[in-house]
């Protein structure tokens, strides 16, 4: 009876291992799609340059150009966040998004104060509570998602981390 329980546990670890890496692949796919959109947006941004250099361009054209450029910077940080999976990349996206909001949207005094406070809180978190990586330390199982995937396929399912946890539970 106990043997049957372990087989079910092995199947669960195998399935969750495959699903975890499938989601990693989807996440990288989304990062690639966002990167293609980024490249298309850069081309559009470059085509706006002659308009900015002409004498007829006013502050409205420059503001639109600045909005597009800051959106691209946020896009870069978002792609890095999808690929790196580090707290630092998440913090960078939040900082750029808040900064963009404050610079371009302006808002009233209360909104600006709240934005500045949010940025200060992010810097405080970064300074005092910052960790190098999330709980799934990439160095613990492999160098990247592909080597983890190859290991799971080779071992028939569970990642090393899940296998070690199962062994601990059995003892």
C-alpha atoms as a PDB file:
ATOM      1  CA  UNK A   1       0.000   0.000   0.000  1.00  0.00           C
ATOM      2  CA  UNK A   2       2.807   2.390   0.883  1.00  0.00           C
ATOM      3  CA  UNK A   3       4.562   1.560  -2.384  1.00  0.00           C
ATOM      4  CA  UNK A   4       1.490   2.742  -4.323  1.00  0.00           C
ATOM      5  CA  UNK A   5       1.598   6.059  -2.459  1.00  0.00           C
ATOM      6  CA  UNK A   6       5.212   6.647  -3.527  1.00  0.00           C
ATOM      7  CA  UNK A   7       4.347   5.920  -7.171  1.00  0.00           C
ATOM      8  CA  UNK A   8       1.579   8.534  -7.032  1.00  0.00           C
ATOM      9  CA  UNK A   9       3.994  10.992  -5.463  1.00  0.00           C
ATOM     10  CA  UNK A  10       6.544  10.304  -8.202  1.00  0.00           C
ATOM     11  CA  UNK A  11       3.876  10.899 -10.863  1.00  0.00           C
ATOM     12  CA  UNK A  12       2.847  14.143  -9.194  1.00  0.00           C
ATOM     13  CA  UNK A  13       6.468  15.330  -9.079  1.00  0.00           C
ATOM     14  CA  UNK A  14       6.936  14.330 -12.708  1.00  0.00           C
ATOM     15  CA  UNK A  15       3.811  16.176 -13.834  1.00  0.00           C
ATOM     16  CA  UNK A  16       4.580  19.291 -11.781  1.00  0.00           C
ATOM     17  CA  UNK A  17       8.156  19.278 -13.087  1.00  0.00           C
ATOM     18  CA  UNK A  18       6.952  19.170 -16.675  1.00  0.00           C
ATOM     19  CA  UNK A  19       4.318  21.855 -16.038  1.00  0.00           C
ATOM     20  CA  UNK A  20       6.827  24.131 -14.339  1.00  0.00           C
ATOM     21  CA  UNK A  21       9.176  23.963 -17.291  1.00  0.00           C
ATOM     22  CA  UNK A  22       6.335  24.264 -19.780  1.00  0.00           C
ATOM     23  CA  UNK A  23       5.358  27.523 -18.067  1.00  0.00           C
ATOM     24  CA  UNK A  24       9.007  28.651 -18.278  1.00  0.00           C
ATOM     25  CA  UNK A  25       8.891  28.021 -22.027  1.00  0.00           C
ATOM     26  CA  UNK A  26       5.610  29.960 -22.345  1.00  0.00           C
ATOM     27  CA  UNK A  27       7.121  32.799 -20.348  1.00  0.00           C
ATOM     28  CA  UNK A  28      10.122  32.926 -22.656  1.00  0.00           C
ATOM     29  CA  UNK A  29       7.740  32.835 -25.622  1.00  0.00           C
ATOM     30  CA  UNK A  30       5.894  35.839 -24.243  1.00  0.00           C
ATOM     31  CA  UNK A  31       9.231  37.607 -23.707  1.00  0.00           C
ATOM     32  CA  UNK A  32      10.086  36.943 -27.377  1.00  0.00           C
ATOM     33  CA  UNK A  33       6.711  38.308 -28.515  1.00  0.00           C
ATOM     34  CA  UNK A  34       7.211  41.415 -26.355  1.00  0.00           C
ATOM     35  CA  UNK A  35      10.744  41.782 -27.794  1.00  0.00           C
ATOM     36  CA  UNK A  36       9.386  41.643 -31.362  1.00  0.00           C
ATOM     37  CA  UNK A  37       6.851  44.325 -30.428  1.00  0.00           C
ATOM     38  CA  UNK A  38       9.696  46.295 -28.857  1.00  0.00           C
ATOM     39  CA  UNK A  39      11.732  46.145 -32.070  1.00  0.00           C
ATOM     40  CA  UNK A  40       8.726  47.293 -34.113  1.00  0.00           C
ATOM     41  CA  UNK A  41       8.181  50.167 -31.672  1.00  0.00           C
ATOM     42  CA  UNK A  42      11.843  51.207 -31.910  1.00  0.00           C
ATOM     43  CA  UNK A  43      11.497  51.389 -35.699  1.00  0.00           C
ATOM     44  CA  UNK A  44       8.402  53.576 -35.308  1.00  0.00           C
ATOM     45  CA  UNK A  45      10.204  55.762 -32.766  1.00  0.00           C
ATOM     46  CA  UNK A  46      13.139  56.274 -35.140  1.00  0.00           C
ATOM     47  CA  UNK A  47      10.757  57.247 -37.953  1.00  0.00           C
ATOM     48  CA  UNK A  48       9.412  60.041 -35.701  1.00  0.00           C
ATOM     49  CA  UNK A  49      12.862  61.637 -35.413  1.00  0.00           C
ATOM     50  CA  UNK A  50      12.622  63.739 -38.617  1.00  0.00           C
ATOM     51  CA  UNK A  51       9.363  65.247 -37.332  1.00  0.00           C
ATOM     52  CA  UNK A  52      11.070  66.275 -34.099  1.00  0.00           C
ATOM     53  CA  UNK A  53      13.950  67.868 -35.997  1.00  0.00           C
ATOM     54  CA  UNK A  54      11.625  69.962 -38.156  1.00  0.00           C
ATOM     55  CA  UNK A  55      10.662  73.450 -37.112  1.00  0.00           C
ATOM     56  CA  UNK A  56       6.965  72.601 -37.094  1.00  0.00           C
ATOM     57  CA  UNK A  57       7.305  70.114 -34.227  1.00  0.00           C
ATOM     58  CA  UNK A  58       6.051  71.456 -30.958  1.00  0.00           C
ATOM     59  CA  UNK A  59       5.916  70.283 -27.399  1.00  0.00           C
ATOM     60  CA  UNK A  60       3.030  67.923 -28.178  1.00  0.00           C
ATOM     61  CA  UNK A  61       5.185  65.984 -30.670  1.00  0.00           C
ATOM     62  CA  UNK A  62       8.068  65.904 -28.204  1.00  0.00           C
ATOM     63  CA  UNK A  63       5.794  64.720 -25.400  1.00  0.00           C
ATOM     64  CA  UNK A  64       4.502  61.898 -27.617  1.00  0.00           C
ATOM     65  CA  UNK A  65       8.098  60.980 -28.488  1.00  0.00           C
ATOM     66  CA  UNK A  66       9.073  60.982 -24.801  1.00  0.00           C
ATOM     67  CA  UNK A  67       6.065  58.811 -23.896  1.00  0.00           C
ATOM     68  CA  UNK A  68       7.050  56.302 -26.568  1.00  0.00           C
ATOM     69  CA  UNK A  69      10.686  56.270 -25.460  1.00  0.00           C
ATOM     70  CA  UNK A  70       9.810  55.745 -21.787  1.00  0.00           C
ATOM     71  CA  UNK A  71       7.350  53.001 -22.741  1.00  0.00           C
ATOM     72  CA  UNK A  72      10.202  51.287 -24.585  1.00  0.00           C
ATOM     73  CA  UNK A  73      12.468  51.565 -21.547  1.00  0.00           C
ATOM     74  CA  UNK A  74       9.751  49.963 -19.422  1.00  0.00           C
ATOM     75  CA  UNK A  75       9.401  47.292 -22.122  1.00  0.00           C
ATOM     76  CA  UNK A  76      13.119  46.535 -21.913  1.00  0.00           C
ATOM     77  CA  UNK A  77      12.917  46.158 -18.152  1.00  0.00           C
ATOM     78  CA  UNK A  78       9.797  43.998 -18.483  1.00  0.00           C
ATOM     79  CA  UNK A  79      11.558  41.634 -20.903  1.00  0.00           C
ATOM     80  CA  UNK A  80      14.537  41.448 -18.528  1.00  0.00           C
ATOM     81  CA  UNK A  81      12.143  40.669 -15.666  1.00  0.00           C
ATOM     82  CA  UNK A  82      10.565  37.800 -17.620  1.00  0.00           C
ATOM     83  CA  UNK A  83      13.960  36.317 -18.413  1.00  0.00           C
ATOM     84  CA  UNK A  84      15.961  36.946 -15.238  1.00  0.00           C
ATOM     85  CA  UNK A  85      13.417  36.176 -12.503  1.00  0.00           C
ATOM     86  CA  UNK A  86      15.216  38.311  -9.961  1.00  0.00           C
ATOM     87  CA  UNK A  87      13.798  40.735  -7.414  1.00  0.00           C
ATOM     88  CA  UNK A  88      16.058  43.420  -8.879  1.00  0.00           C
ATOM     89  CA  UNK A  89      14.404  43.161 -12.275  1.00  0.00           C
ATOM     90  CA  UNK A  90      10.949  43.500 -10.699  1.00  0.00           C
ATOM     91  CA  UNK A  91      12.097  46.554  -8.751  1.00  0.00           C
ATOM     92  CA  UNK A  92      13.486  48.133 -11.927  1.00  0.00           C
ATOM     93  CA  UNK A  93      10.168  47.711 -13.763  1.00  0.00           C
ATOM     94  CA  UNK A  94       8.285  49.290 -10.862  1.00  0.00           C
ATOM     95  CA  UNK A  95      10.728  52.189 -10.606  1.00  0.00           C
ATOM     96  CA  UNK A  96      10.559  52.978 -14.315  1.00  0.00           C
ATOM     97  CA  UNK A  97       6.757  52.692 -14.370  1.00  0.00           C
ATOM     98  CA  UNK A  98       6.386  55.023 -11.386  1.00  0.00           C
ATOM     99  CA  UNK A  99       8.916  57.452 -12.814  1.00  0.00           C
ATOM    100  CA  UNK A 100       7.165  57.470 -16.181  1.00  0.00           C
ATOM    101  CA  UNK A 101       3.852  58.157 -14.461  1.00  0.00           C
ATOM    102  CA  UNK A 102       5.277  61.047 -12.499  1.00  0.00           C
ATOM    103  CA  UNK A 103       7.156  62.636 -15.412  1.00  0.00           C
ATOM    104  CA  UNK A 104       4.468  62.300 -18.062  1.00  0.00           C
ATOM    105  CA  UNK A 105       1.162  62.171 -16.247  1.00  0.00           C
ATOM    106  CA  UNK A 106       2.014  64.754 -13.657  1.00  0.00           C
ATOM    107  CA  UNK A 107      -1.143  64.656 -11.637  1.00  0.00           C
ATOM    108  CA  UNK A 108      -2.056  66.717  -8.639  1.00  0.00           C
ATOM    109  CA  UNK A 109       0.119  67.304  -5.608  1.00  0.00           C
ATOM    110  CA  UNK A 110      -1.297  64.318  -3.701  1.00  0.00           C
ATOM    111  CA  UNK A 111      -0.627  61.936  -6.611  1.00  0.00           C
ATOM    112  CA  UNK A 112       2.923  63.246  -6.940  1.00  0.00           C
ATOM    113  CA  UNK A 113       3.489  62.847  -3.194  1.00  0.00           C
ATOM    114  CA  UNK A 114       2.174  59.267  -3.288  1.00  0.00           C
ATOM    115  CA  UNK A 115       4.397  58.477  -6.278  1.00  0.00           C
ATOM    116  CA  UNK A 116       7.455  59.874  -4.517  1.00  0.00           C
ATOM    117  CA  UNK A 117       6.559  57.891  -1.387  1.00  0.00           C
ATOM    118  CA  UNK A 118       6.146  54.720  -3.467  1.00  0.00           C
ATOM    119  CA  UNK A 119       9.560  55.268  -5.055  1.00  0.00           C
ATOM    120  CA  UNK A 120      11.073  55.885  -1.600  1.00  0.00           C
ATOM    121  CA  UNK A 121       9.504  52.669  -0.285  1.00  0.00           C
ATOM    122  CA  UNK A 122      10.913  50.742  -3.255  1.00  0.00           C
ATOM    123  CA  UNK A 123      14.379  52.172  -2.605  1.00  0.00           C
ATOM    124  CA  UNK A 124      14.060  51.297   1.101  1.00  0.00           C
ATOM    125  CA  UNK A 125      13.025  47.743   0.230  1.00  0.00           C
ATOM    126  CA  UNK A 126      15.895  47.523  -2.213  1.00  0.00           C
ATOM    127  CA  UNK A 127      18.343  48.770   0.400  1.00  0.00           C
ATOM    128  CA  UNK A 128      17.216  46.862   3.485  1.00  0.00           C
ATOM    129  CA  UNK A 129      15.199  43.838   2.341  1.00  0.00           C
ATOM    130  CA  UNK A 130      16.811  42.982  -0.973  1.00  0.00           C
ATOM    131  CA  UNK A 131      17.666  39.345  -1.705  1.00  0.00           C
ATOM    132  CA  UNK A 132      19.767  38.074  -4.588  1.00  0.00           C
ATOM    133  CA  UNK A 133      17.148  35.778  -6.078  1.00  0.00           C
ATOM    134  CA  UNK A 134      13.773  34.224  -5.445  1.00  0.00           C
ATOM    135  CA  UNK A 135      13.311  30.962  -3.578  1.00  0.00           C
ATOM    136  CA  UNK A 136      13.969  28.777  -6.615  1.00  0.00           C
ATOM    137  CA  UNK A 137      17.672  29.554  -6.736  1.00  0.00           C
ATOM    138  CA  UNK A 138      18.726  28.704 -10.263  1.00  0.00           C
ATOM    139  CA  UNK A 139      22.131  27.515  -9.087  1.00  0.00           C
ATOM    140  CA  UNK A 140      20.495  24.867  -6.892  1.00  0.00           C
ATOM    141  CA  UNK A 141      19.155  22.750  -9.762  1.00  0.00           C
ATOM    142  CA  UNK A 142      20.882  23.956 -12.883  1.00  0.00           C
ATOM    143  CA  UNK A 143      22.237  26.917 -14.699  1.00  0.00           C
ATOM    144  CA  UNK A 144      19.049  27.759 -16.547  1.00  0.00           C
ATOM    145  CA  UNK A 145      15.602  26.480 -17.489  1.00  0.00           C
ATOM    146  CA  UNK A 146      16.955  24.382 -20.372  1.00  0.00           C
ATOM    147  CA  UNK A 147      19.439  22.436 -18.263  1.00  0.00           C
ATOM    148  CA  UNK A 148      16.716  21.934 -15.627  1.00  0.00           C
ATOM    149  CA  UNK A 149      14.386  20.635 -18.350  1.00  0.00           C
ATOM    150  CA  UNK A 150      17.015  18.239 -19.719  1.00  0.00           C
ATOM    151  CA  UNK A 151      17.649  16.950 -16.188  1.00  0.00           C
ATOM    152  CA  UNK A 152      13.944  16.321 -15.590  1.00  0.00           C
ATOM    153  CA  UNK A 153      13.547  14.481 -18.887  1.00  0.00           C
ATOM    154  CA  UNK A 154      16.693  12.425 -18.238  1.00  0.00           C
ATOM    155  CA  UNK A 155      15.638  11.497 -14.686  1.00  0.00           C
ATOM    156  CA  UNK A 156      12.055  10.770 -15.724  1.00  0.00           C
ATOM    157  CA  UNK A 157      10.253  13.547 -13.945  1.00  0.00           C
ATOM    158  CA  UNK A 158      11.026  15.306 -10.716  1.00  0.00           C
ATOM    159  CA  UNK A 159      13.673  17.955 -10.439  1.00  0.00           C
ATOM    160  CA  UNK A 160      16.556  17.408  -8.028  1.00  0.00           C
ATOM    161  CA  UNK A 161      14.996  19.766  -5.501  1.00  0.00           C
ATOM    162  CA  UNK A 162      11.651  17.922  -5.556  1.00  0.00           C
ATOM    163  CA  UNK A 163      13.400  14.541  -5.405  1.00  0.00           C
ATOM    164  CA  UNK A 164      15.394  15.611  -2.334  1.00  0.00           C
ATOM    165  CA  UNK A 165      12.212  16.853  -0.632  1.00  0.00           C
ATOM    166  CA  UNK A 166      10.525  13.510  -1.360  1.00  0.00           C
ATOM    167  CA  UNK A 167      13.477  11.619   0.095  1.00  0.00           C
ATOM    168  CA  UNK A 168      13.327  13.725   3.258  1.00  0.00           C
ATOM    169  CA  UNK A 169       9.591  13.069   3.624  1.00  0.00           C
ATOM    170  CA  UNK A 170      10.103   9.317   3.228  1.00  0.00           C
ATOM    171  CA  UNK A 171      12.681   9.243   6.054  1.00  0.00           C
END
